[in-house]
Amino acid sequence: MKRAIKKAAYFSLSSLAVSTLALVLPAINSNTVASAKAKAITVKVGVMTMDDEAKAEWKVISKYAKKHGNVTIKYVQFTDYSQPNKALEDGNIDLNAFQHYDFLDNWNKENHGDIKAIAKTVIAPIRLYTKKGYKSVEDLPKGAQIAIPNDATNEGRSLVALQTAGLIKLKKGVTLATPSDITSNPKKIKITLVDASQTARSLSSVDAAFVNNTFVSSAGLKFKSAIYVEPVNKASKKWINVIAAKPNYKKNKAKYAAYKEIIKGYHQKKVKQLIKKYSDGTELAAWDIKIK
């Protein structure tokens, strides 16, 4: 009888162990195992010097990439726009995120490059700021000096914005306008070309300056203090910012998988909310908007 009880107890414990194992295994074999199978990988991403907005957004992206793809993002920060594409082309970084389509297209043409845009990030209308107390572009005096970025795409973009604001007129059909393309200038506006990273600093010596959103916060400016904002319309598609990679970015399957996790991390609702919060609604998440 005792032997029978022991035998029954043995089978009961064995059954319990098997049942418990059966309950545990499904939990182990789901997301945990999927994450464990992803080999750890590091991706170097080139960005401009990060302000509070960029730090907050990339923190969320980093967390997502690590959790879902075991991807560690290493950030390489640059101080001017001439550097990130060269670093990408030379293989010093894997991706960069700092430029819009038009800048990338122009860089490829000028440098015989073939860097590819692989994901949309934001669209940030360029803005005109002043520290001279003017409330609108109409208040700018005759002979006012305006600083604009000196890289070809943002130079042209700023001049088109001045035309839209009614301050100048440009030759028709010009792709990348320069000051020499101005055909009408009633207020005799003086254009000063400055490195994009320095236009905000020039505000102490000029009447107004176009400042790219990248440099607004670090310069102590407020987005809503701008006296003119470039309109967003169907002509704005080329100003959508992108994540860029080398043309053979799909060749390394592990890295390509990592890039996709980074893009998914960027395209989260949390990041969209941070973009809106830090830019006072002046930047738009470009991956899910329709530009008319």
C-alpha atoms as a PDB file:
ATOM      1  CA  MET A   1       0.000   0.000   0.000  1.00  0.00           C
ATOM      2  CA  LYS A   2       2.802   2.390   0.944  1.00  0.00           C
ATOM      3  CA  ARG A   3       4.661   1.415  -2.217  1.00  0.00           C
ATOM      4  CA  ALA A   4       1.501   2.213  -4.240  1.00  0.00           C
ATOM      5  CA  ILE A   5       1.122   5.596  -2.542  1.00  0.00           C
ATOM      6  CA  LYS A   6       4.772   6.427  -3.230  1.00  0.00           C
ATOM      7  CA  LYS A   7       4.362   5.385  -6.842  1.00  0.00           C
ATOM      8  CA  ALA A   8       1.223   7.520  -7.193  1.00  0.00           C
ATOM      9  CA  ALA A   9       3.004  10.448  -5.572  1.00  0.00           C
ATOM     10  CA  TYR A  10       5.926  10.020  -7.968  1.00  0.00           C
ATOM     11  CA  PHE A  11       3.647  10.111 -10.981  1.00  0.00           C
ATOM     12  CA  SER A  12       1.764  13.118  -9.573  1.00  0.00           C
ATOM     13  CA  LEU A  13       4.991  15.068  -9.076  1.00  0.00           C
ATOM     14  CA  SER A  14       6.213  14.060 -12.512  1.00  0.00           C
ATOM     15  CA  SER A  15       2.937  15.166 -14.059  1.00  0.00           C
ATOM     16  CA  LEU A  16       3.118  18.449 -12.146  1.00  0.00           C
ATOM     17  CA  ALA A  17       6.665  19.030 -13.381  1.00  0.00           C
ATOM     18  CA  VAL A  18       5.644  18.360 -16.974  1.00  0.00           C
ATOM     19  CA  SER A  19       2.572  20.582 -16.623  1.00  0.00           C
ATOM     20  CA  THR A  20       4.642  23.373 -15.100  1.00  0.00           C
ATOM     21  CA  LEU A  21       7.222  23.055 -17.871  1.00  0.00           C
ATOM     22  CA  ALA A  22       4.463  23.180 -20.455  1.00  0.00           C
ATOM     23  CA  LEU A  23       3.196  26.405 -18.913  1.00  0.00           C
ATOM     24  CA  VAL A  24       6.643  28.000 -18.787  1.00  0.00           C
ATOM     25  CA  LEU A  25       7.899  27.079 -22.245  1.00  0.00           C
ATOM     26  CA  PRO A  26       5.428  29.159 -24.270  1.00  0.00           C
ATOM     27  CA  ALA A  27       6.487  32.288 -22.346  1.00  0.00           C
ATOM     28  CA  ILE A  28      10.162  31.546 -22.993  1.00  0.00           C
ATOM     29  CA  ASN A  29       9.587  30.811 -26.661  1.00  0.00           C
ATOM     30  CA  SER A  30       7.858  34.106 -27.495  1.00  0.00           C
ATOM     31  CA  ASN A  31       9.428  37.575 -27.439  1.00  0.00           C
ATOM     32  CA  THR A  32      12.236  36.616 -25.080  1.00  0.00           C
ATOM     33  CA  VAL A  33      13.632  33.984 -27.406  1.00  0.00           C
ATOM     34  CA  ALA A  34      13.089  36.245 -30.430  1.00  0.00           C
ATOM     35  CA  SER A  35      15.158  38.968 -28.773  1.00  0.00           C
ATOM     36  CA  ALA A  36      17.787  36.492 -27.671  1.00  0.00           C
ATOM     37  CA  LYS A  37      18.204  35.243 -31.240  1.00  0.00           C
ATOM     38  CA  ALA A  38      19.040  38.764 -32.494  1.00  0.00           C
ATOM     39  CA  LYS A  39      22.774  39.163 -32.248  1.00  0.00           C
ATOM     40  CA  ALA A  40      23.980  42.349 -30.635  1.00  0.00           C
ATOM     41  CA  ILE A  41      24.922  44.948 -33.233  1.00  0.00           C
ATOM     42  CA  THR A  42      26.130  48.549 -33.092  1.00  0.00           C
ATOM     43  CA  VAL A  43      25.060  51.153 -35.640  1.00  0.00           C
ATOM     44  CA  LYS A  44      26.821  54.511 -35.918  1.00  0.00           C
ATOM     45  CA  VAL A  45      24.436  57.355 -36.721  1.00  0.00           C
ATOM     46  CA  GLY A  46      25.712  60.788 -37.760  1.00  0.00           C
ATOM     47  CA  VAL A  47      23.728  63.757 -36.485  1.00  0.00           C
ATOM     48  CA  MET A  48      24.283  67.463 -36.010  1.00  0.00           C
ATOM     49  CA  THR A  49      25.187  68.602 -32.480  1.00  0.00           C
ATOM     50  CA  MET A  50      22.170  67.424 -30.517  1.00  0.00           C
ATOM     51  CA  ASP A  51      19.872  69.884 -28.776  1.00  0.00           C
ATOM     52  CA  ASP A  52      17.350  68.873 -26.093  1.00  0.00           C
ATOM     53  CA  GLU A  53      14.776  67.827 -28.698  1.00  0.00           C
ATOM     54  CA  ALA A  54      17.178  65.560 -30.567  1.00  0.00           C
ATOM     55  CA  LYS A  55      18.441  64.022 -27.325  1.00  0.00           C
ATOM     56  CA  ALA A  56      14.893  63.234 -26.179  1.00  0.00           C
ATOM     57  CA  GLU A  57      13.855  61.764 -29.535  1.00  0.00           C
ATOM     58  CA  TRP A  58      16.961  59.642 -30.043  1.00  0.00           C
ATOM     59  CA  LYS A  59      16.742  58.352 -26.482  1.00  0.00           C
ATOM     60  CA  VAL A  60      13.324  56.872 -27.294  1.00  0.00           C
ATOM     61  CA  ILE A  61      14.612  55.520 -30.620  1.00  0.00           C
ATOM     62  CA  SER A  62      17.652  53.951 -28.949  1.00  0.00           C
ATOM     63  CA  LYS A  63      15.476  52.245 -26.371  1.00  0.00           C
ATOM     64  CA  TYR A  64      13.199  50.799 -29.063  1.00  0.00           C
ATOM     65  CA  ALA A  65      16.075  49.555 -31.222  1.00  0.00           C
ATOM     66  CA  LYS A  66      17.749  47.903 -28.246  1.00  0.00           C
ATOM     67  CA  LYS A  67      14.576  46.208 -27.071  1.00  0.00           C
ATOM     68  CA  HIS A  68      13.328  44.978 -30.441  1.00  0.00           C
ATOM     69  CA  GLY A  69      16.532  44.290 -32.348  1.00  0.00           C
ATOM     70  CA  ASN A  70      19.356  44.232 -29.796  1.00  0.00           C
ATOM     71  CA  VAL A  71      20.711  47.299 -31.611  1.00  0.00           C
ATOM     72  CA  THR A  72      22.996  49.768 -29.873  1.00  0.00           C
ATOM     73  CA  ILE A  73      23.084  53.182 -31.523  1.00  0.00           C
ATOM     74  CA  LYS A  74      26.328  55.111 -31.272  1.00  0.00           C
ATOM     75  CA  TYR A  75      25.941  58.788 -32.123  1.00  0.00           C
ATOM     76  CA  VAL A  76      28.571  60.755 -33.991  1.00  0.00           C
ATOM     77  CA  GLN A  77      27.873  64.483 -33.765  1.00  0.00           C
ATOM     78  CA  PHE A  78      28.946  67.016 -36.392  1.00  0.00           C
ATOM     79  CA  THR A  79      29.143  70.797 -36.325  1.00  0.00           C
ATOM     80  CA  ASP A  80      28.481  71.718 -39.955  1.00  0.00           C
ATOM     81  CA  TYR A  81      26.535  70.301 -42.860  1.00  0.00           C
ATOM     82  CA  SER A  82      29.586  69.480 -44.988  1.00  0.00           C
ATOM     83  CA  GLN A  83      30.678  66.623 -42.725  1.00  0.00           C
ATOM     84  CA  PRO A  84      28.012  63.880 -42.263  1.00  0.00           C
ATOM     85  CA  ASN A  85      27.710  62.739 -45.891  1.00  0.00           C
ATOM     86  CA  LYS A  86      31.483  62.550 -46.315  1.00  0.00           C
ATOM     87  CA  ALA A  87      31.694  60.480 -43.122  1.00  0.00           C
ATOM     88  CA  LEU A  88      28.957  58.176 -44.441  1.00  0.00           C
ATOM     89  CA  GLU A  89      30.629  57.800 -47.817  1.00  0.00           C
ATOM     90  CA  ASP A  90      33.978  57.026 -46.126  1.00  0.00           C
ATOM     91  CA  GLY A  91      32.384  54.356 -43.918  1.00  0.00           C
ATOM     92  CA  ASN A  92      32.996  56.191 -40.643  1.00  0.00           C
ATOM     93  CA  ILE A  93      29.261  56.034 -39.883  1.00  0.00           C
ATOM     94  CA  ASP A  94      26.454  53.723 -41.024  1.00  0.00           C
ATOM     95  CA  LEU A  95      23.582  56.214 -41.297  1.00  0.00           C
ATOM     96  CA  ASN A  96      23.035  59.922 -40.973  1.00  0.00           C
ATOM     97  CA  ALA A  97      19.988  61.985 -40.099  1.00  0.00           C
ATOM     98  CA  PHE A  98      20.393  65.713 -40.672  1.00  0.00           C
ATOM     99  CA  GLN A  99      19.404  66.680 -44.230  1.00  0.00           C
ATOM    100  CA  HIS A 100      16.411  67.067 -46.501  1.00  0.00           C
ATOM    101  CA  TYR A 101      15.952  65.490 -49.941  1.00  0.00           C
ATOM    102  CA  ASP A 102      17.108  68.588 -51.788  1.00  0.00           C
ATOM    103  CA  PHE A 103      20.355  68.894 -49.818  1.00  0.00           C
ATOM    104  CA  LEU A 104      21.085  65.204 -50.378  1.00  0.00           C
ATOM    105  CA  ASP A 105      20.361  65.385 -54.123  1.00  0.00           C
ATOM    106  CA  ASN A 106      22.604  68.418 -54.493  1.00  0.00           C
ATOM    107  CA  TRP A 107      25.401  66.837 -52.436  1.00  0.00           C
ATOM    108  CA  ASN A 108      25.300  63.699 -54.590  1.00  0.00           C
ATOM    109  CA  LYS A 109      25.541  65.797 -57.766  1.00  0.00           C
ATOM    110  CA  GLU A 110      28.421  67.921 -56.505  1.00  0.00           C
ATOM    111  CA  ASN A 111      30.363  65.005 -55.055  1.00  0.00           C
ATOM    112  CA  HIS A 112      29.510  62.276 -57.573  1.00  0.00           C
ATOM    113  CA  GLY A 113      27.885  60.391 -54.704  1.00  0.00           C
ATOM    114  CA  ASP A 114      25.062  57.903 -54.541  1.00  0.00           C
ATOM    115  CA  ILE A 115      23.879  58.162 -50.948  1.00  0.00           C
ATOM    116  CA  LYS A 116      20.262  57.009 -50.558  1.00  0.00           C
ATOM    117  CA  ALA A 117      17.385  58.332 -48.479  1.00  0.00           C
ATOM    118  CA  ILE A 118      15.867  55.317 -46.699  1.00  0.00           C
ATOM    119  CA  ALA A 119      13.276  56.920 -44.396  1.00  0.00           C
ATOM    120  CA  LYS A 120      11.475  60.204 -43.763  1.00  0.00           C
ATOM    121  CA  THR A 121      11.870  62.010 -40.447  1.00  0.00           C
ATOM    122  CA  VAL A 122      10.550  65.578 -40.148  1.00  0.00           C
ATOM    123  CA  ILE A 123       9.744  68.618 -42.208  1.00  0.00           C
ATOM    124  CA  ALA A 124      10.876  71.846 -40.605  1.00  0.00           C
ATOM    125  CA  PRO A 125       9.845  75.077 -42.368  1.00  0.00           C
ATOM    126  CA  ILE A 126      12.722  77.555 -42.440  1.00  0.00           C
ATOM    127  CA  ARG A 127      12.149  80.707 -40.357  1.00  0.00           C
ATOM    128  CA  LEU A 128      13.310  84.311 -40.386  1.00  0.00           C
ATOM    129  CA  TYR A 129      14.355  85.749 -37.015  1.00  0.00           C
ATOM    130  CA  THR A 130      15.387  89.177 -35.796  1.00  0.00           C
ATOM    131  CA  LYS A 131      16.742  90.780 -32.634  1.00  0.00           C
ATOM    132  CA  LYS A 132      16.023  94.329 -33.801  1.00  0.00           C
ATOM    133  CA  GLY A 133      12.436  94.473 -32.581  1.00  0.00           C
ATOM    134  CA  TYR A 134      10.727  94.062 -35.951  1.00  0.00           C
ATOM    135  CA  LYS A 135       7.353  92.335 -35.723  1.00  0.00           C
ATOM    136  CA  SER A 136       6.990  91.256 -39.354  1.00  0.00           C
ATOM    137  CA  VAL A 137       8.835  91.296 -42.686  1.00  0.00           C
ATOM    138  CA  GLU A 138       6.894  94.433 -43.577  1.00  0.00           C
ATOM    139  CA  ASP A 139       8.716  96.235 -40.755  1.00  0.00           C
ATOM    140  CA  LEU A 140      12.159  95.580 -42.236  1.00  0.00           C
ATOM    141  CA  PRO A 141      13.666  98.928 -43.330  1.00  0.00           C
ATOM    142  CA  LYS A 142      15.122  99.804 -46.714  1.00  0.00           C
ATOM    143  CA  GLY A 143      18.628  98.464 -47.041  1.00  0.00           C
ATOM    144  CA  ALA A 144      17.996  95.825 -44.358  1.00  0.00           C
ATOM    145  CA  GLN A 145      20.727  93.202 -44.130  1.00  0.00           C
ATOM    146  CA  ILE A 146      19.532  89.582 -44.059  1.00  0.00           C
ATOM    147  CA  ALA A 147      21.824  86.621 -43.380  1.00  0.00           C
ATOM    148  CA  ILE A 148      21.052  83.339 -45.119  1.00  0.00           C
ATOM    149  CA  PRO A 149      22.812  79.923 -45.093  1.00  0.00           C
ATOM    150  CA  ASN A 150      25.628  79.649 -47.632  1.00  0.00           C
ATOM    151  CA  ASP A 151      25.126  76.012 -48.698  1.00  0.00           C
ATOM    152  CA  ALA A 152      23.511  75.887 -52.127  1.00  0.00           C
ATOM    153  CA  THR A 153      20.184  74.288 -51.174  1.00  0.00           C
ATOM    154  CA  ASN A 154      19.428  76.362 -48.074  1.00  0.00           C
ATOM    155  CA  GLU A 155      20.661  79.502 -49.831  1.00  0.00           C
ATOM    156  CA  GLY A 156      18.167  78.900 -52.620  1.00  0.00           C
ATOM    157  CA  ARG A 157      15.467  77.916 -50.166  1.00  0.00           C
ATOM    158  CA  SER A 158      15.923  81.135 -48.174  1.00  0.00           C
ATOM    159  CA  LEU A 159      15.757  83.292 -51.304  1.00  0.00           C
ATOM    160  CA  VAL A 160      12.546  81.566 -52.408  1.00  0.00           C
ATOM    161  CA  ALA A 161      11.142  82.231 -48.914  1.00  0.00           C
ATOM    162  CA  LEU A 162      12.041  85.935 -49.276  1.00  0.00           C
ATOM    163  CA  GLN A 163      10.235  85.946 -52.618  1.00  0.00           C
ATOM    164  CA  THR A 164       7.164  84.286 -51.065  1.00  0.00           C
ATOM    165  CA  ALA A 165       7.295  86.907 -48.310  1.00  0.00           C
ATOM    166  CA  GLY A 166       7.077  89.605 -50.996  1.00  0.00           C
ATOM    167  CA  LEU A 167      10.511  91.128 -50.409  1.00  0.00           C
ATOM    168  CA  ILE A 168      12.213  90.130 -53.677  1.00  0.00           C
ATOM    169  CA  LYS A 169      11.545  88.512 -57.042  1.00  0.00           C
ATOM    170  CA  LEU A 170      13.710  85.818 -58.660  1.00  0.00           C
ATOM    171  CA  LYS A 171      14.345  84.700 -62.218  1.00  0.00           C
ATOM    172  CA  LYS A 172      11.806  82.102 -63.310  1.00  0.00           C
ATOM    173  CA  GLY A 173      12.904  78.511 -63.756  1.00  0.00           C
ATOM    174  CA  VAL A 174      15.989  78.730 -61.526  1.00  0.00           C
ATOM    175  CA  THR A 175      16.576  75.491 -59.590  1.00  0.00           C
ATOM    176  CA  LEU A 176      19.051  76.732 -56.978  1.00  0.00           C
ATOM    177  CA  ALA A 177      18.724  80.497 -56.710  1.00  0.00           C
ATOM    178  CA  THR A 178      21.603  82.765 -55.712  1.00  0.00           C
ATOM    179  CA  PRO A 179      21.554  86.521 -54.993  1.00  0.00           C
ATOM    180  CA  SER A 180      22.505  87.111 -58.647  1.00  0.00           C
ATOM    181  CA  ASP A 181      19.100  85.682 -59.622  1.00  0.00           C
ATOM    182  CA  ILE A 182      17.220  88.505 -57.873  1.00  0.00           C
ATOM    183  CA  THR A 183      15.325  90.530 -60.500  1.00  0.00           C
ATOM    184  CA  SER A 184      13.395  92.875 -58.218  1.00  0.00           C
ATOM    185  CA  ASN A 185      14.396  94.197 -54.790  1.00  0.00           C
ATOM    186  CA  PRO A 186      12.244  97.242 -53.877  1.00  0.00           C
ATOM    187  CA  LYS A 187      13.644  97.534 -50.347  1.00  0.00           C
ATOM    188  CA  LYS A 188      17.213  97.046 -51.569  1.00  0.00           C
ATOM    189  CA  ILE A 189      17.651  94.144 -49.168  1.00  0.00           C
ATOM    190  CA  LYS A 190      21.307  93.215 -48.672  1.00  0.00           C
ATOM    191  CA  ILE A 191      21.941  89.462 -48.619  1.00  0.00           C
ATOM    192  CA  THR A 192      24.812  88.116 -46.516  1.00  0.00           C
ATOM    193  CA  LEU A 193      25.877  84.490 -46.950  1.00  0.00           C
ATOM    194  CA  VAL A 194      26.854  82.769 -43.701  1.00  0.00           C
ATOM    195  CA  ASP A 195      27.513  79.172 -42.692  1.00  0.00           C
ATOM    196  CA  ALA A 196      24.196  77.655 -41.582  1.00  0.00           C
ATOM    197  CA  SER A 197      25.546  77.051 -38.080  1.00  0.00           C
ATOM    198  CA  GLN A 198      26.387  80.763 -37.731  1.00  0.00           C
ATOM    199  CA  THR A 199      23.270  82.555 -38.998  1.00  0.00           C
ATOM    200  CA  ALA A 200      21.801  82.735 -35.495  1.00  0.00           C
ATOM    201  CA  ARG A 201      25.027  84.248 -34.159  1.00  0.00           C
ATOM    202  CA  SER A 202      24.937  86.848 -36.926  1.00  0.00           C
ATOM    203  CA  LEU A 203      21.665  88.269 -35.562  1.00  0.00           C
ATOM    204  CA  SER A 204      23.635  90.711 -33.436  1.00  0.00           C
ATOM    205  CA  SER A 205      24.994  92.388 -36.557  1.00  0.00           C
ATOM    206  CA  VAL A 206      22.227  91.990 -39.181  1.00  0.00           C
ATOM    207  CA  ASP A 207      18.572  92.974 -39.310  1.00  0.00           C
ATOM    208  CA  ALA A 208      17.296  89.438 -39.738  1.00  0.00           C
ATOM    209  CA  ALA A 209      18.530  85.907 -40.466  1.00  0.00           C
ATOM    210  CA  PHE A 210      17.165  82.579 -41.613  1.00  0.00           C
ATOM    211  CA  VAL A 211      18.029  80.004 -38.945  1.00  0.00           C
ATOM    212  CA  ASN A 212      17.624  76.284 -39.602  1.00  0.00           C
ATOM    213  CA  ASN A 213      15.609  74.555 -36.888  1.00  0.00           C
ATOM    214  CA  THR A 214      18.657  72.493 -35.929  1.00  0.00           C
ATOM    215  CA  PHE A 215      20.251  75.594 -34.426  1.00  0.00           C
ATOM    216  CA  VAL A 216      17.241  77.467 -33.037  1.00  0.00           C
ATOM    217  CA  SER A 217      17.165  76.086 -29.478  1.00  0.00           C
ATOM    218  CA  SER A 218      20.938  76.133 -28.985  1.00  0.00           C
ATOM    219  CA  ALA A 219      20.936  79.807 -30.019  1.00  0.00           C
ATOM    220  CA  GLY A 220      18.362  80.644 -27.356  1.00  0.00           C
ATOM    221  CA  LEU A 221      15.697  81.518 -29.921  1.00  0.00           C
ATOM    222  CA  LYS A 222      12.016  80.670 -29.692  1.00  0.00           C
ATOM    223  CA  PHE A 223      10.369  79.089 -32.733  1.00  0.00           C
ATOM    224  CA  LYS A 224       7.291  81.258 -32.427  1.00  0.00           C
ATOM    225  CA  SER A 225       9.338  84.463 -32.323  1.00  0.00           C
ATOM    226  CA  ALA A 226      10.080  84.191 -36.056  1.00  0.00           C
ATOM    227  CA  ILE A 227       8.825  87.106 -38.139  1.00  0.00           C
ATOM    228  CA  TYR A 228       8.283  84.886 -41.182  1.00  0.00           C
ATOM    229  CA  VAL A 229       7.686  81.159 -41.649  1.00  0.00           C
ATOM    230  CA  GLU A 230       8.078  79.315 -44.923  1.00  0.00           C
ATOM    231  CA  PRO A 231       4.681  77.872 -45.966  1.00  0.00           C
ATOM    232  CA  VAL A 232       4.233  74.101 -46.234  1.00  0.00           C
ATOM    233  CA  ASN A 233       2.658  73.014 -49.525  1.00  0.00           C
ATOM    234  CA  LYS A 234       3.215  70.611 -52.427  1.00  0.00           C
ATOM    235  CA  ALA A 235       6.464  72.405 -53.250  1.00  0.00           C
ATOM    236  CA  SER A 236       7.761  71.485 -49.781  1.00  0.00           C
ATOM    237  CA  LYS A 237       8.299  67.777 -50.444  1.00  0.00           C
ATOM    238  CA  LYS A 238      11.972  68.326 -51.238  1.00  0.00           C
ATOM    239  CA  TRP A 239      12.426  69.859 -47.785  1.00  0.00           C
ATOM    240  CA  ILE A 240      11.451  66.669 -45.961  1.00  0.00           C
ATOM    241  CA  ASN A 241      14.334  65.475 -43.792  1.00  0.00           C
ATOM    242  CA  VAL A 242      15.558  61.910 -44.141  1.00  0.00           C
ATOM    243  CA  ILE A 243      17.668  59.119 -42.729  1.00  0.00           C
ATOM    244  CA  ALA A 244      20.348  58.316 -45.313  1.00  0.00           C
ATOM    245  CA  ALA A 245      22.591  55.324 -45.996  1.00  0.00           C
ATOM    246  CA  LYS A 246      25.165  54.129 -48.515  1.00  0.00           C
ATOM    247  CA  PRO A 247      23.700  52.680 -51.745  1.00  0.00           C
ATOM    248  CA  ASN A 248      24.526  49.087 -50.763  1.00  0.00           C
ATOM    249  CA  TYR A 249      22.832  49.404 -47.353  1.00  0.00           C
ATOM    250  CA  LYS A 250      20.829  46.171 -47.869  1.00  0.00           C
ATOM    251  CA  LYS A 251      23.913  44.041 -48.555  1.00  0.00           C
ATOM    252  CA  ASN A 252      24.746  43.367 -44.904  1.00  0.00           C
ATOM    253  CA  LYS A 253      21.579  41.613 -43.743  1.00  0.00           C
ATOM    254  CA  ALA A 254      22.276  42.066 -40.033  1.00  0.00           C
ATOM    255  CA  LYS A 255      22.839  45.803 -40.414  1.00  0.00           C
ATOM    256  CA  TYR A 256      19.861  46.176 -42.727  1.00  0.00           C
ATOM    257  CA  ALA A 257      17.680  44.523 -40.090  1.00  0.00           C
ATOM    258  CA  ALA A 258      19.135  46.936 -37.523  1.00  0.00           C
ATOM    259  CA  TYR A 259      18.375  49.931 -39.763  1.00  0.00           C
ATOM    260  CA  LYS A 260      14.752  48.819 -40.026  1.00  0.00           C
ATOM    261  CA  GLU A 261      14.461  48.691 -36.239  1.00  0.00           C
ATOM    262  CA  ILE A 262      15.897  52.213 -35.993  1.00  0.00           C
ATOM    263  CA  ILE A 263      13.383  53.467 -38.550  1.00  0.00           C
ATOM    264  CA  LYS A 264      10.516  51.771 -36.694  1.00  0.00           C
ATOM    265  CA  GLY A 265      11.815  53.388 -33.515  1.00  0.00           C
ATOM    266  CA  TYR A 266      11.819  56.798 -35.180  1.00  0.00           C
ATOM    267  CA  HIS A 267       8.330  56.342 -36.586  1.00  0.00           C
ATOM    268  CA  GLN A 268       6.768  55.808 -33.161  1.00  0.00           C
ATOM    269  CA  LYS A 269       3.914  57.865 -31.815  1.00  0.00           C
ATOM    270  CA  LYS A 270       6.155  58.807 -28.854  1.00  0.00           C
ATOM    271  CA  VAL A 271       8.682  60.437 -31.174  1.00  0.00           C
ATOM    272  CA  LYS A 272       5.926  62.278 -33.038  1.00  0.00           C
ATOM    273  CA  GLN A 273       4.721  63.671 -29.705  1.00  0.00           C
ATOM    274  CA  LEU A 274       8.243  64.790 -28.792  1.00  0.00           C
ATOM    275  CA  ILE A 275       8.655  66.551 -32.134  1.00  0.00           C
ATOM    276  CA  LYS A 276       5.464  68.490 -31.492  1.00  0.00           C
ATOM    277  CA  LYS A 277       6.378  69.241 -27.870  1.00  0.00           C
ATOM    278  CA  TYR A 278       9.894  70.540 -28.406  1.00  0.00           C
ATOM    279  CA  SER A 279       9.204  72.473 -31.601  1.00  0.00           C
ATOM    280  CA  ASP A 280       6.023  74.112 -30.310  1.00  0.00           C
ATOM    281  CA  GLY A 281       4.248  72.428 -33.190  1.00  0.00           C
ATOM    282  CA  THR A 282       6.512  74.101 -35.766  1.00  0.00           C
ATOM    283  CA  GLU A 283       7.970  70.813 -37.051  1.00  0.00           C
ATOM    284  CA  LEU A 284       5.904  67.995 -38.500  1.00  0.00           C
ATOM    285  CA  ALA A 285       6.495  64.241 -38.410  1.00  0.00           C
ATOM    286  CA  ALA A 286       6.966  63.648 -42.131  1.00  0.00           C
ATOM    287  CA  TRP A 287       6.318  59.904 -42.303  1.00  0.00           C
ATOM    288  CA  ASP A 288       2.534  60.158 -42.011  1.00  0.00           C
ATOM    289  CA  ILE A 289       1.551  63.575 -43.323  1.00  0.00           C
ATOM    290  CA  LYS A 290      -0.060  64.429 -46.636  1.00  0.00           C
ATOM    291  CA  ILE A 291       1.299  67.568 -48.246  1.00  0.00           C
ATOM    292  CA  LYS A 292      -1.207  69.244 -50.566  1.00  0.00           C
END
